[in-house]
Amino acid sequence: MSDIPDGTDPAELANWLFDRARQGETERLAAYIDAGAPANLTDAEGNTLLMLAAYHGHAATVRELLARGADPDALNDRGQSPLAGAVFKQEADVIAALLEAGADVDAGAPSARATAQMFGVSLEI
């Protein structure tokens, strides 16, 4: 579903926003945050918009969310950070964006540092 949800059901709108993050629809997502949607909105598993964008490899979306106040170290309910997710998926541009924003390489479990060691991924910018 890519059309804006009908009505004013907040859960439906939130799910629509999570889909925009997963799909990397940067401009649409940024417009909703600029209009008042929380930059650190979380889904039922504690994943933020930033986590979903990072995990799906959307560096431009990650940068825009960070610019709008998204927390680079927000952990989901499993204790995972956006940086660890990007390292797991080996998304170099997303890793760079998160590191430039000051993401903590030791946040979460496993941390991005531990994940990088497991998969041989560099955490150098």
PDB file of N, CA and C in Angstrom:
ATOM      1  N   MET A   1       0.846  -1.171   0.000  1.00  0.00           N
ATOM      2  CA  MET A   1       0.000   0.000   0.000  1.00  0.00           C
ATOM      3  C   MET A   1       0.888   1.230   0.000  1.00  0.00           C
ATOM      4  N   SER A   2       0.736   2.103  -0.990  1.00  0.00           N
ATOM      5  CA  SER A   2       1.542   3.313  -1.018  1.00  0.00           C
ATOM      6  C   SER A   2       0.692   4.559  -0.924  1.00  0.00           C
ATOM      7  N   ASP A   3      -0.636   4.422  -1.027  1.00  0.00           N
ATOM      8  CA  ASP A   3      -1.514   5.570  -0.899  1.00  0.00           C
ATOM      9  C   ASP A   3      -1.661   5.925   0.570  1.00  0.00           C
ATOM     10  N   ILE A   4      -1.863   7.207   0.806  1.00  0.00           N
ATOM     11  CA  ILE A   4      -2.076   7.676   2.170  1.00  0.00           C
ATOM     12  C   ILE A   4      -3.353   7.040   2.697  1.00  0.00           C
ATOM     13  N   PRO A   5      -3.303   6.492   3.921  1.00  0.00           N
ATOM     14  CA  PRO A   5      -4.486   5.816   4.454  1.00  0.00           C
ATOM     15  C   PRO A   5      -5.661   6.778   4.629  1.00  0.00           C
ATOM     16  N   ASP A   6      -6.859   6.250   4.380  1.00  0.00           N
ATOM     17  CA  ASP A   6      -8.077   7.032   4.578  1.00  0.00           C
ATOM     18  C   ASP A   6      -8.351   7.170   6.065  1.00  0.00           C
ATOM     19  N   GLY A   7      -9.103   8.191   6.403  1.00  0.00           N
ATOM     20  CA  GLY A   7      -9.525   8.367   7.784  1.00  0.00           C
ATOM     21  C   GLY A   7      -8.420   8.889   8.670  1.00  0.00           C
ATOM     22  N   THR A   8      -8.640   8.811   9.947  1.00  0.00           N
ATOM     23  CA  THR A   8      -7.695   9.361  10.910  1.00  0.00           C
ATOM     24  C   THR A   8      -7.230   8.314  11.914  1.00  0.00           C
ATOM     25  N   ASP A   9      -7.310   7.040  11.567  1.00  0.00           N
ATOM     26  CA  ASP A   9      -6.873   5.982  12.472  1.00  0.00           C
ATOM     27  C   ASP A   9      -5.367   6.102  12.694  1.00  0.00           C
ATOM     28  N   PRO A  10      -4.939   6.441  13.897  1.00  0.00           N
ATOM     29  CA  PRO A  10      -3.505   6.631  14.147  1.00  0.00           C
ATOM     30  C   PRO A  10      -2.667   5.374  13.899  1.00  0.00           C
ATOM     31  N   ALA A  11      -3.202   4.206  14.214  1.00  0.00           N
ATOM     32  CA  ALA A  11      -2.443   2.968  13.998  1.00  0.00           C
ATOM     33  C   ALA A  11      -2.231   2.715  12.509  1.00  0.00           C
ATOM     34  N   GLU A  12      -3.254   2.991  11.716  1.00  0.00           N
ATOM     35  CA  GLU A  12      -3.126   2.809  10.273  1.00  0.00           C
ATOM     36  C   GLU A  12      -2.102   3.783   9.698  1.00  0.00           C
ATOM     37  N   LEU A  13      -2.130   5.019  10.154  1.00  0.00           N
ATOM     38  CA  LEU A  13      -1.152   6.003   9.697  1.00  0.00           C
ATOM     39  C   LEU A  13       0.255   5.601  10.129  1.00  0.00           C
ATOM     40  N   ALA A  14       0.404   5.146  11.354  1.00  0.00           N
ATOM     41  CA  ALA A  14       1.722   4.718  11.841  1.00  0.00           C
ATOM     42  C   ALA A  14       2.259   3.569  10.990  1.00  0.00           C
ATOM     43  N   ASN A  15       1.430   2.587  10.711  1.00  0.00           N
ATOM     44  CA  ASN A  15       1.869   1.466   9.871  1.00  0.00           C
ATOM     45  C   ASN A  15       2.264   1.938   8.479  1.00  0.00           C
ATOM     46  N   TRP A  16       1.540   2.892   7.957  1.00  0.00           N
ATOM     47  CA  TRP A  16       1.858   3.464   6.650  1.00  0.00           C
ATOM     48  C   TRP A  16       3.230   4.149   6.697  1.00  0.00           C
ATOM     49  N   LEU A  17       3.500   4.867   7.787  1.00  0.00           N
ATOM     50  CA  LEU A  17       4.801   5.527   7.941  1.00  0.00           C
ATOM     51  C   LEU A  17       5.925   4.498   8.052  1.00  0.00           C
ATOM     52  N   PHE A  18       5.694   3.413   8.773  1.00  0.00           N
ATOM     53  CA  PHE A  18       6.713   2.365   8.863  1.00  0.00           C
ATOM     54  C   PHE A  18       7.007   1.785   7.481  1.00  0.00           C
ATOM     55  N   ASP A  19       5.982   1.620   6.681  1.00  0.00           N
ATOM     56  CA  ASP A  19       6.194   1.132   5.307  1.00  0.00           C
ATOM     57  C   ASP A  19       7.007   2.128   4.486  1.00  0.00           C
ATOM     58  N   ARG A  20       6.778   3.425   4.676  1.00  0.00           N
ATOM     59  CA  ARG A  20       7.565   4.430   3.956  1.00  0.00           C
ATOM     60  C   ARG A  20       9.046   4.320   4.343  1.00  0.00           C
ATOM     61  N   ALA A  21       9.316   4.057   5.621  1.00  0.00           N
ATOM     62  CA  ALA A  21      10.701   3.897   6.069  1.00  0.00           C
ATOM     63  C   ALA A  21      11.325   2.655   5.444  1.00  0.00           C
ATOM     64  N   ARG A  22      10.600   1.552   5.440  1.00  0.00           N
ATOM     65  CA  ARG A  22      11.099   0.304   4.842  1.00  0.00           C
ATOM     66  C   ARG A  22      11.391   0.471   3.354  1.00  0.00           C
ATOM     67  N   GLN A  23      10.585   1.272   2.681  1.00  0.00           N
ATOM     68  CA  GLN A  23      10.717   1.441   1.241  1.00  0.00           C
ATOM     69  C   GLN A  23      11.630   2.598   0.852  1.00  0.00           C
ATOM     70  N   GLY A  24      12.079   3.361   1.838  1.00  0.00           N
ATOM     71  CA  GLY A  24      12.988   4.461   1.551  1.00  0.00           C
ATOM     72  C   GLY A  24      12.329   5.645   0.867  1.00  0.00           C
ATOM     73  N   GLU A  25      11.089   5.900   1.167  1.00  0.00           N
ATOM     74  CA  GLU A  25      10.381   7.040   0.593  1.00  0.00           C
ATOM     75  C   GLU A  25      10.696   8.282   1.425  1.00  0.00           C
ATOM     76  N   THR A  26      11.899   8.773   1.233  1.00  0.00           N
ATOM     77  CA  THR A  26      12.480   9.829   2.056  1.00  0.00           C
ATOM     78  C   THR A  26      11.621  11.082   2.115  1.00  0.00           C
ATOM     79  N   GLU A  27      11.259  11.620   0.969  1.00  0.00           N
ATOM     80  CA  GLU A  27      10.538  12.898   0.939  1.00  0.00           C
ATOM     81  C   GLU A  27       9.171  12.800   1.607  1.00  0.00           C
ATOM     82  N   ARG A  28       8.452  11.724   1.348  1.00  0.00           N
ATOM     83  CA  ARG A  28       7.121  11.570   1.957  1.00  0.00           C
ATOM     84  C   ARG A  28       7.236  11.417   3.466  1.00  0.00           C
ATOM     85  N   LEU A  29       8.178  10.607   3.902  1.00  0.00           N
ATOM     86  CA  LEU A  29       8.368  10.394   5.335  1.00  0.00           C
ATOM     87  C   LEU A  29       8.799  11.691   6.017  1.00  0.00           C
ATOM     88  N   ALA A  30       9.733  12.402   5.410  1.00  0.00           N
ATOM     89  CA  ALA A  30      10.210  13.676   5.975  1.00  0.00           C
ATOM     90  C   ALA A  30       9.068  14.683   6.082  1.00  0.00           C
ATOM     91  N   ALA A  31       8.204  14.717   5.090  1.00  0.00           N
ATOM     92  CA  ALA A  31       7.078  15.651   5.126  1.00  0.00           C
ATOM     93  C   ALA A  31       6.161  15.369   6.310  1.00  0.00           C
ATOM     94  N   TYR A  32       5.923  14.103   6.598  1.00  0.00           N
ATOM     95  CA  TYR A  32       5.070  13.761   7.739  1.00  0.00           C
ATOM     96  C   TYR A  32       5.741  14.113   9.065  1.00  0.00           C
ATOM     97  N   ILE A  33       7.027  13.915   9.151  1.00  0.00           N
ATOM     98  CA  ILE A  33       7.735  14.294  10.378  1.00  0.00           C
ATOM     99  C   ILE A  33       7.731  15.810  10.525  1.00  0.00           C
ATOM    100  N   ASP A  34       7.953  16.512   9.431  1.00  0.00           N
ATOM    101  CA  ASP A  34       7.908  17.976   9.476  1.00  0.00           C
ATOM    102  C   ASP A  34       6.527  18.470   9.892  1.00  0.00           C
ATOM    103  N   ALA A  35       5.489  17.696   9.573  1.00  0.00           N
ATOM    104  CA  ALA A  35       4.116  18.067   9.929  1.00  0.00           C
ATOM    105  C   ALA A  35       3.729  17.627  11.339  1.00  0.00           C
ATOM    106  N   GLY A  36       4.638  16.931  12.040  1.00  0.00           N
ATOM    107  CA  GLY A  36       4.363  16.593  13.431  1.00  0.00           C
ATOM    108  C   GLY A  36       4.434  15.132  13.816  1.00  0.00           C
ATOM    109  N   ALA A  37       4.630  14.238  12.862  1.00  0.00           N
ATOM    110  CA  ALA A  37       4.800  12.825  13.231  1.00  0.00           C
ATOM    111  C   ALA A  37       6.107  12.686  14.013  1.00  0.00           C
ATOM    112  N   PRO A  38       6.138  11.846  15.039  1.00  0.00           N
ATOM    113  CA  PRO A  38       7.355  11.703  15.843  1.00  0.00           C
ATOM    114  C   PRO A  38       8.504  11.062  15.052  1.00  0.00           C
ATOM    115  N   ALA A  39       9.666  11.669  15.109  1.00  0.00           N
ATOM    116  CA  ALA A  39      10.844  11.114  14.429  1.00  0.00           C
ATOM    117  C   ALA A  39      11.253   9.780  15.037  1.00  0.00           C
ATOM    118  N   ASN A  40      10.887   9.546  16.297  1.00  0.00           N
ATOM    119  CA  ASN A  40      11.253   8.312  16.989  1.00  0.00           C
ATOM    120  C   ASN A  40      10.056   7.390  17.201  1.00  0.00           C
ATOM    121  N   LEU A  41       9.103   7.460  16.287  1.00  0.00           N
ATOM    122  CA  LEU A  41       7.930   6.584  16.324  1.00  0.00           C
ATOM    123  C   LEU A  41       8.401   5.129  16.322  1.00  0.00           C
ATOM    124  N   THR A  42       7.770   4.293  17.156  1.00  0.00           N
ATOM    125  CA  THR A  42       8.146   2.878  17.220  1.00  0.00           C
ATOM    126  C   THR A  42       6.960   1.986  16.884  1.00  0.00           C
ATOM    127  N   ASP A  43       7.285   0.829  16.306  1.00  0.00           N
ATOM    128  CA  ASP A  43       6.253  -0.162  16.008  1.00  0.00           C
ATOM    129  C   ASP A  43       6.079  -1.090  17.206  1.00  0.00           C
ATOM    130  N   ALA A  44       5.288  -2.132  17.053  1.00  0.00           N
ATOM    131  CA  ALA A  44       4.969  -3.051  18.151  1.00  0.00           C
ATOM    132  C   ALA A  44       6.194  -3.793  18.681  1.00  0.00           C
ATOM    133  N   GLU A  45       7.265  -3.872  17.882  1.00  0.00           N
ATOM    134  CA  GLU A  45       8.493  -4.546  18.312  1.00  0.00           C
ATOM    135  C   GLU A  45       9.563  -3.549  18.764  1.00  0.00           C
ATOM    136  N   GLY A  46       9.195  -2.274  18.868  1.00  0.00           N
ATOM    137  CA  GLY A  46      10.140  -1.263  19.317  1.00  0.00           C
ATOM    138  C   GLY A  46      11.067  -0.744  18.230  1.00  0.00           C
ATOM    139  N   ASN A  47      10.811  -1.128  16.965  1.00  0.00           N
ATOM    140  CA  ASN A  47      11.632  -0.619  15.869  1.00  0.00           C
ATOM    141  C   ASN A  47      11.226   0.803  15.538  1.00  0.00           C
ATOM    142  N   THR A  48      12.193   1.689  15.453  1.00  0.00           N
ATOM    143  CA  THR A  48      11.915   3.063  15.050  1.00  0.00           C
ATOM    144  C   THR A  48      11.898   3.157  13.529  1.00  0.00           C
ATOM    145  N   LEU A  49      11.429   4.277  13.039  1.00  0.00           N
ATOM    146  CA  LEU A  49      11.498   4.554  11.604  1.00  0.00           C
ATOM    147  C   LEU A  49      12.949   4.457  11.135  1.00  0.00           C
ATOM    148  N   LEU A  50      13.863   4.971  11.966  1.00  0.00           N
ATOM    149  CA  LEU A  50      15.285   4.931  11.622  1.00  0.00           C
ATOM    150  C   LEU A  50      15.793   3.495  11.524  1.00  0.00           C
ATOM    151  N   MET A  51      15.408   2.656  12.463  1.00  0.00           N
ATOM    152  CA  MET A  51      15.825   1.253  12.432  1.00  0.00           C
ATOM    153  C   MET A  51      15.365   0.589  11.138  1.00  0.00           C
ATOM    154  N   LEU A  52      14.123   0.813  10.760  1.00  0.00           N
ATOM    155  CA  LEU A  52      13.579   0.189   9.557  1.00  0.00           C
ATOM    156  C   LEU A  52      14.271   0.700   8.301  1.00  0.00           C
ATOM    157  N   ALA A  53      14.511   1.999   8.231  1.00  0.00           N
ATOM    158  CA  ALA A  53      15.208   2.562   7.073  1.00  0.00           C
ATOM    159  C   ALA A  53      16.644   2.050   7.004  1.00  0.00           C
ATOM    160  N   ALA A  54      17.307   1.981   8.154  1.00  0.00           N
ATOM    161  CA  ALA A  54      18.697   1.503   8.197  1.00  0.00           C
ATOM    162  C   ALA A  54      18.786   0.043   7.789  1.00  0.00           C
ATOM    163  N   TYR A  55      17.926  -0.786   8.328  1.00  0.00           N
ATOM    164  CA  TYR A  55      17.954  -2.216   8.054  1.00  0.00           C
ATOM    165  C   TYR A  55      17.681  -2.514   6.580  1.00  0.00           C
ATOM    166  N   HIS A  56      16.883  -1.662   5.958  1.00  0.00           N
ATOM    167  CA  HIS A  56      16.538  -1.868   4.549  1.00  0.00           C
ATOM    168  C   HIS A  56      17.463  -1.108   3.597  1.00  0.00           C
ATOM    169  N   GLY A  57      18.520  -0.489   4.143  1.00  0.00           N
ATOM    170  CA  GLY A  57      19.568   0.077   3.302  1.00  0.00           C
ATOM    171  C   GLY A  57      19.282   1.420   2.671  1.00  0.00           C
ATOM    172  N   HIS A  58      18.446   2.223   3.285  1.00  0.00           N
ATOM    173  CA  HIS A  58      18.079   3.516   2.702  1.00  0.00           C
ATOM    174  C   HIS A  58      18.855   4.658   3.370  1.00  0.00           C
ATOM    175  N   ALA A  59      20.066   4.889   2.898  1.00  0.00           N
ATOM    176  CA  ALA A  59      20.949   5.886   3.510  1.00  0.00           C
ATOM    177  C   ALA A  59      20.359   7.290   3.470  1.00  0.00           C
ATOM    178  N   ALA A  60      19.739   7.680   2.369  1.00  0.00           N
ATOM    179  CA  ALA A  60      19.154   9.026   2.280  1.00  0.00           C
ATOM    180  C   ALA A  60      18.044   9.200   3.314  1.00  0.00           C
ATOM    181  N   THR A  61      17.239   8.180   3.487  1.00  0.00           N
ATOM    182  CA  THR A  61      16.164   8.238   4.478  1.00  0.00           C
ATOM    183  C   THR A  61      16.747   8.301   5.880  1.00  0.00           C
ATOM    184  N   VAL A  62      17.783   7.518   6.122  1.00  0.00           N
ATOM    185  CA  VAL A  62      18.455   7.545   7.426  1.00  0.00           C
ATOM    186  C   VAL A  62      18.965   8.951   7.721  1.00  0.00           C
ATOM    187  N   ARG A  63      19.621   9.576   6.762  1.00  0.00           N
ATOM    188  CA  ARG A  63      20.161  10.928   6.966  1.00  0.00           C
ATOM    189  C   ARG A  63      19.052  11.942   7.266  1.00  0.00           C
ATOM    190  N   GLU A  64      17.945  11.847   6.542  1.00  0.00           N
ATOM    191  CA  GLU A  64      16.841  12.786   6.775  1.00  0.00           C
ATOM    192  C   GLU A  64      16.199  12.566   8.140  1.00  0.00           C
ATOM    193  N   LEU A  65      16.038  11.316   8.539  1.00  0.00           N
ATOM    194  CA  LEU A  65      15.484  11.037   9.863  1.00  0.00           C
ATOM    195  C   LEU A  65      16.407  11.555  10.956  1.00  0.00           C
ATOM    196  N   LEU A  66      17.697  11.347  10.793  1.00  0.00           N
ATOM    197  CA  LEU A  66      18.661  11.854  11.764  1.00  0.00           C
ATOM    198  C   LEU A  66      18.613  13.381  11.834  1.00  0.00           C
ATOM    199  N   ALA A  67      18.505  14.027  10.691  1.00  0.00           N
ATOM    200  CA  ALA A  67      18.437  15.487  10.645  1.00  0.00           C
ATOM    201  C   ALA A  67      17.185  16.013  11.341  1.00  0.00           C
ATOM    202  N   ARG A  68      16.161  15.168  11.441  1.00  0.00           N
ATOM    203  CA  ARG A  68      14.904  15.562  12.069  1.00  0.00           C
ATOM    204  C   ARG A  68      14.788  15.053  13.510  1.00  0.00           C
ATOM    205  N   GLY A  69      15.904  14.624  14.076  1.00  0.00           N
ATOM    206  CA  GLY A  69      15.929  14.275  15.491  1.00  0.00           C
ATOM    207  C   GLY A  69      15.802  12.812  15.845  1.00  0.00           C
ATOM    208  N   ALA A  70      15.844  11.921  14.868  1.00  0.00           N
ATOM    209  CA  ALA A  70      15.781  10.491  15.193  1.00  0.00           C
ATOM    210  C   ALA A  70      16.998  10.098  16.028  1.00  0.00           C
ATOM    211  N   ASP A  71      16.775   9.271  17.021  1.00  0.00           N
ATOM    212  CA  ASP A  71      17.830   8.819  17.931  1.00  0.00           C
ATOM    213  C   ASP A  71      18.614   7.681  17.277  1.00  0.00           C
ATOM    214  N   PRO A  72      19.914   7.903  16.977  1.00  0.00           N
ATOM    215  CA  PRO A  72      20.690   6.855  16.314  1.00  0.00           C
ATOM    216  C   PRO A  72      20.941   5.636  17.191  1.00  0.00           C
ATOM    217  N   ASP A  73      20.703   5.761  18.499  1.00  0.00           N
ATOM    218  CA  ASP A  73      20.979   4.661  19.422  1.00  0.00           C
ATOM    219  C   ASP A  73      19.733   4.030  20.025  1.00  0.00           C
ATOM    220  N   ALA A  74      18.562   4.355  19.500  1.00  0.00           N
ATOM    221  CA  ALA A  74      17.330   3.769  20.033  1.00  0.00           C
ATOM    222  C   ALA A  74      17.324   2.266  19.766  1.00  0.00           C
ATOM    223  N   LEU A  75      17.170   1.491  20.813  1.00  0.00           N
ATOM    224  CA  LEU A  75      17.167   0.030  20.706  1.00  0.00           C
ATOM    225  C   LEU A  75      15.741  -0.481  20.558  1.00  0.00           C
ATOM    226  N   ASN A  76      15.590  -1.530  19.767  1.00  0.00           N
ATOM    227  CA  ASN A  76      14.272  -2.159  19.666  1.00  0.00           C
ATOM    228  C   ASN A  76      14.081  -3.111  20.853  1.00  0.00           C
ATOM    229  N   ASP A  77      12.965  -3.806  20.873  1.00  0.00           N
ATOM    230  CA  ASP A  77      12.649  -4.684  22.005  1.00  0.00           C
ATOM    231  C   ASP A  77      13.603  -5.874  22.128  1.00  0.00           C
ATOM    232  N   ARG A  78      14.356  -6.147  21.084  1.00  0.00           N
ATOM    233  CA  ARG A  78      15.332  -7.237  21.125  1.00  0.00           C
ATOM    234  C   ARG A  78      16.728  -6.719  21.492  1.00  0.00           C
ATOM    235  N   GLY A  79      16.831  -5.426  21.809  1.00  0.00           N
ATOM    236  CA  GLY A  79      18.104  -4.841  22.201  1.00  0.00           C
ATOM    237  C   GLY A  79      19.014  -4.516  21.033  1.00  0.00           C
ATOM    238  N   GLN A  80      18.462  -4.411  19.830  1.00  0.00           N
ATOM    239  CA  GLN A  80      19.261  -4.152  18.634  1.00  0.00           C
ATOM    240  C   GLN A  80      19.246  -2.663  18.294  1.00  0.00           C
ATOM    241  N   SER A  81      20.380  -2.164  17.825  1.00  0.00           N
ATOM    242  CA  SER A  81      20.490  -0.766  17.412  1.00  0.00           C
ATOM    243  C   SER A  81      20.399  -0.657  15.893  1.00  0.00           C
ATOM    244  N   PRO A  82      20.046   0.527  15.391  1.00  0.00           N
ATOM    245  CA  PRO A  82      20.057   0.721  13.934  1.00  0.00           C
ATOM    246  C   PRO A  82      21.433   0.443  13.329  1.00  0.00           C
ATOM    247  N   LEU A  83      22.498   0.821  14.028  1.00  0.00           N
ATOM    248  CA  LEU A  83      23.842   0.593  13.510  1.00  0.00           C
ATOM    249  C   LEU A  83      24.151  -0.897  13.414  1.00  0.00           C
ATOM    250  N   ALA A  84      23.786  -1.655  14.422  1.00  0.00           N
ATOM    251  CA  ALA A  84      24.021  -3.107  14.369  1.00  0.00           C
ATOM    252  C   ALA A  84      23.231  -3.732  13.221  1.00  0.00           C
ATOM    253  N   GLY A  85      22.008  -3.258  12.993  1.00  0.00           N
ATOM    254  CA  GLY A  85      21.212  -3.761  11.878  1.00  0.00           C
ATOM    255  C   GLY A  85      21.861  -3.460  10.537  1.00  0.00           C
ATOM    256  N   ALA A  86      22.385  -2.242  10.394  1.00  0.00           N
ATOM    257  CA  ALA A  86      23.054  -1.861   9.145  1.00  0.00           C
ATOM    258  C   ALA A  86      24.338  -2.659   8.946  1.00  0.00           C
ATOM    259  N   VAL A  87      25.047  -2.924  10.031  1.00  0.00           N
ATOM    260  CA  VAL A  87      26.266  -3.736   9.936  1.00  0.00           C
ATOM    261  C   VAL A  87      25.906  -5.161   9.524  1.00  0.00           C
ATOM    262  N   PHE A  88      24.883  -5.718  10.153  1.00  0.00           N
ATOM    263  CA  PHE A  88      24.438  -7.071   9.801  1.00  0.00           C
ATOM    264  C   PHE A  88      24.095  -7.173   8.316  1.00  0.00           C
ATOM    265  N   LYS A  89      23.420  -6.156   7.788  1.00  0.00           N
ATOM    266  CA  LYS A  89      23.034  -6.150   6.377  1.00  0.00           C
ATOM    267  C   LYS A  89      24.159  -5.657   5.462  1.00  0.00           C
ATOM    268  N   GLN A  90      25.274  -5.234   6.065  1.00  0.00           N
ATOM    269  CA  GLN A  90      26.456  -4.741   5.344  1.00  0.00           C
ATOM    270  C   GLN A  90      26.113  -3.571   4.416  1.00  0.00           C
ATOM    271  N   GLU A  91      25.394  -2.613   4.962  1.00  0.00           N
ATOM    272  CA  GLU A  91      24.971  -1.408   4.248  1.00  0.00           C
ATOM    273  C   GLU A  91      25.951  -0.277   4.543  1.00  0.00           C
ATOM    274  N   ALA A  92      27.023  -0.186   3.758  1.00  0.00           N
ATOM    275  CA  ALA A  92      28.121   0.742   4.021  1.00  0.00           C
ATOM    276  C   ALA A  92      27.668   2.206   4.107  1.00  0.00           C
ATOM    277  N   ASP A  93      26.789   2.650   3.212  1.00  0.00           N
ATOM    278  CA  ASP A  93      26.342   4.045   3.235  1.00  0.00           C
ATOM    279  C   ASP A  93      25.517   4.350   4.480  1.00  0.00           C
ATOM    280  N   VAL A  94      24.728   3.395   4.903  1.00  0.00           N
ATOM    281  CA  VAL A  94      23.924   3.569   6.118  1.00  0.00           C
ATOM    282  C   VAL A  94      24.844   3.575   7.341  1.00  0.00           C
ATOM    283  N   ILE A  95      25.798   2.680   7.370  1.00  0.00           N
ATOM    284  CA  ILE A  95      26.766   2.646   8.470  1.00  0.00           C
ATOM    285  C   ILE A  95      27.453   3.996   8.586  1.00  0.00           C
ATOM    286  N   ALA A  96      27.922   4.538   7.461  1.00  0.00           N
ATOM    287  CA  ALA A  96      28.608   5.831   7.461  1.00  0.00           C
ATOM    288  C   ALA A  96      27.686   6.932   7.985  1.00  0.00           C
ATOM    289  N   ALA A  97      26.437   6.954   7.549  1.00  0.00           N
ATOM    290  CA  ALA A  97      25.495   7.984   7.995  1.00  0.00           C
ATOM    291  C   ALA A  97      25.282   7.916   9.505  1.00  0.00           C
ATOM    292  N   LEU A  98      25.123   6.712  10.025  1.00  0.00           N
ATOM    293  CA  LEU A  98      24.900   6.548  11.463  1.00  0.00           C
ATOM    294  C   LEU A  98      26.145   6.915  12.268  1.00  0.00           C
ATOM    295  N   LEU A  99      27.314   6.512  11.785  1.00  0.00           N
ATOM    296  CA  LEU A  99      28.548   6.864  12.487  1.00  0.00           C
ATOM    297  C   LEU A  99      28.775   8.372  12.473  1.00  0.00           C
ATOM    298  N   GLU A 100      28.509   9.007  11.334  1.00  0.00           N
ATOM    299  CA  GLU A 100      28.656  10.465  11.245  1.00  0.00           C
ATOM    300  C   GLU A 100      27.722  11.175  12.220  1.00  0.00           C
ATOM    301  N   ALA A 101      26.581  10.561  12.521  1.00  0.00           N
ATOM    302  CA  ALA A 101      25.613  11.134  13.459  1.00  0.00           C
ATOM    303  C   ALA A 101      25.961  10.809  14.907  1.00  0.00           C
ATOM    304  N   GLY A 102      27.046  10.077  15.112  1.00  0.00           N
ATOM    305  CA  GLY A 102      27.484   9.768  16.472  1.00  0.00           C
ATOM    306  C   GLY A 102      26.902   8.505  17.071  1.00  0.00           C
ATOM    307  N   ALA A 103      26.402   7.591  16.237  1.00  0.00           N
ATOM    308  CA  ALA A 103      25.859   6.341  16.767  1.00  0.00           C
ATOM    309  C   ALA A 103      26.915   5.612  17.583  1.00  0.00           C
ATOM    310  N   ASP A 104      26.491   5.035  18.692  1.00  0.00           N
ATOM    311  CA  ASP A 104      27.370   4.317  19.611  1.00  0.00           C
ATOM    312  C   ASP A 104      27.612   2.901  19.099  1.00  0.00           C
ATOM    313  N   VAL A 105      28.862   2.582  18.776  1.00  0.00           N
ATOM    314  CA  VAL A 105      29.188   1.255  18.243  1.00  0.00           C
ATOM    315  C   VAL A 105      29.025   0.161  19.292  1.00  0.00           C
ATOM    316  N   ASP A 106      28.919   0.547  20.567  1.00  0.00           N
ATOM    317  CA  ASP A 106      28.786  -0.441  21.639  1.00  0.00           C
ATOM    318  C   ASP A 106      27.371  -0.543  22.200  1.00  0.00           C
ATOM    319  N   ALA A 107      26.418   0.181  21.608  1.00  0.00           N
ATOM    320  CA  ALA A 107      25.029   0.128  22.086  1.00  0.00           C
ATOM    321  C   ALA A 107      24.384  -1.180  21.636  1.00  0.00           C
ATOM    322  N   GLY A 108      23.540  -1.717  22.500  1.00  0.00           N
ATOM    323  CA  GLY A 108      22.755  -2.889  22.136  1.00  0.00           C
ATOM    324  C   GLY A 108      23.476  -4.203  22.330  1.00  0.00           C
ATOM    325  N   ALA A 109      22.742  -5.263  22.027  1.00  0.00           N
ATOM    326  CA  ALA A 109      23.279  -6.612  22.165  1.00  0.00           C
ATOM    327  C   ALA A 109      22.703  -7.494  21.062  1.00  0.00           C
ATOM    328  N   PRO A 110      23.497  -7.983  20.160  1.00  0.00           N
ATOM    329  CA  PRO A 110      24.923  -7.676  20.086  1.00  0.00           C
ATOM    330  C   PRO A 110      25.140  -6.255  19.584  1.00  0.00           C
ATOM    331  N   SER A 111      26.228  -5.684  19.994  1.00  0.00           N
ATOM    332  CA  SER A 111      26.554  -4.326  19.578  1.00  0.00           C
ATOM    333  C   SER A 111      26.985  -4.317  18.113  1.00  0.00           C
ATOM    334  N   ALA A 112      27.042  -3.129  17.547  1.00  0.00           N
ATOM    335  CA  ALA A 112      27.530  -2.993  16.172  1.00  0.00           C
ATOM    336  C   ALA A 112      28.987  -3.443  16.083  1.00  0.00           C
ATOM    337  N   ARG A 113      29.754  -3.156  17.130  1.00  0.00           N
ATOM    338  CA  ARG A 113      31.166  -3.576  17.139  1.00  0.00           C
ATOM    339  C   ARG A 113      31.265  -5.104  17.083  1.00  0.00           C
ATOM    340  N   ALA A 114      30.473  -5.777  17.911  1.00  0.00           N
ATOM    341  CA  ALA A 114      30.499  -7.245  17.929  1.00  0.00           C
ATOM    342  C   ALA A 114      29.988  -7.808  16.605  1.00  0.00           C
ATOM    343  N   THR A 115      28.954  -7.195  16.058  1.00  0.00           N
ATOM    344  CA  THR A 115      28.401  -7.647  14.778  1.00  0.00           C
ATOM    345  C   THR A 115      29.431  -7.463  13.669  1.00  0.00           C
ATOM    346  N   ALA A 116      30.112  -6.342  13.676  1.00  0.00           N
ATOM    347  CA  ALA A 116      31.148  -6.069  12.666  1.00  0.00           C
ATOM    348  C   ALA A 116      32.271  -7.104  12.750  1.00  0.00           C
ATOM    349  N   GLN A 117      32.658  -7.468  13.956  1.00  0.00           N
ATOM    350  CA  GLN A 117      33.710  -8.478  14.120  1.00  0.00           C
ATOM    351  C   GLN A 117      33.231  -9.825  13.598  1.00  0.00           C
ATOM    352  N   MET A 118      31.981 -10.183  13.857  1.00  0.00           N
ATOM    353  CA  MET A 118      31.443 -11.466  13.393  1.00  0.00           C
ATOM    354  C   MET A 118      31.423 -11.563  11.875  1.00  0.00           C
ATOM    355  N   PHE A 119      31.080 -10.443  11.226  1.00  0.00           N
ATOM    356  CA  PHE A 119      30.883 -10.455   9.773  1.00  0.00           C
ATOM    357  C   PHE A 119      32.023  -9.810   8.987  1.00  0.00           C
ATOM    358  N   GLY A 120      33.072  -9.367   9.684  1.00  0.00           N
ATOM    359  CA  GLY A 120      34.208  -8.780   9.005  1.00  0.00           C
ATOM    360  C   GLY A 120      33.889  -7.451   8.318  1.00  0.00           C
ATOM    361  N   VAL A 121      33.028  -6.664   8.936  1.00  0.00           N
ATOM    362  CA  VAL A 121      32.618  -5.369   8.377  1.00  0.00           C
ATOM    363  C   VAL A 121      33.389  -4.256   9.082  1.00  0.00           C
ATOM    364  N   SER A 122      33.835  -3.274   8.313  1.00  0.00           N
ATOM    365  CA  SER A 122      34.561  -2.143   8.876  1.00  0.00           C
ATOM    366  C   SER A 122      33.598  -1.110   9.457  1.00  0.00           C
ATOM    367  N   LEU A 123      33.978  -0.567  10.594  1.00  0.00           N
ATOM    368  CA  LEU A 123      33.231   0.526  11.183  1.00  0.00           C
ATOM    369  C   LEU A 123      33.967   1.848  11.007  1.00  0.00           C
ATOM    370  N   GLU A 124      34.831   1.902  10.039  1.00  0.00           N
ATOM    371  CA  GLU A 124      35.561   3.129   9.710  1.00  0.00           C
ATOM    372  C   GLU A 124      34.727   3.955   8.742  1.00  0.00           C
ATOM    373  N   ILE A 125      34.733   5.246   8.926  1.00  0.00           N
ATOM    374  CA  ILE A 125      34.002   6.145   8.014  1.00  0.00           C
ATOM    375  C   ILE A 125      34.894   6.443   6.818  1.00  0.00           C
TER     376      ILE A 125
END
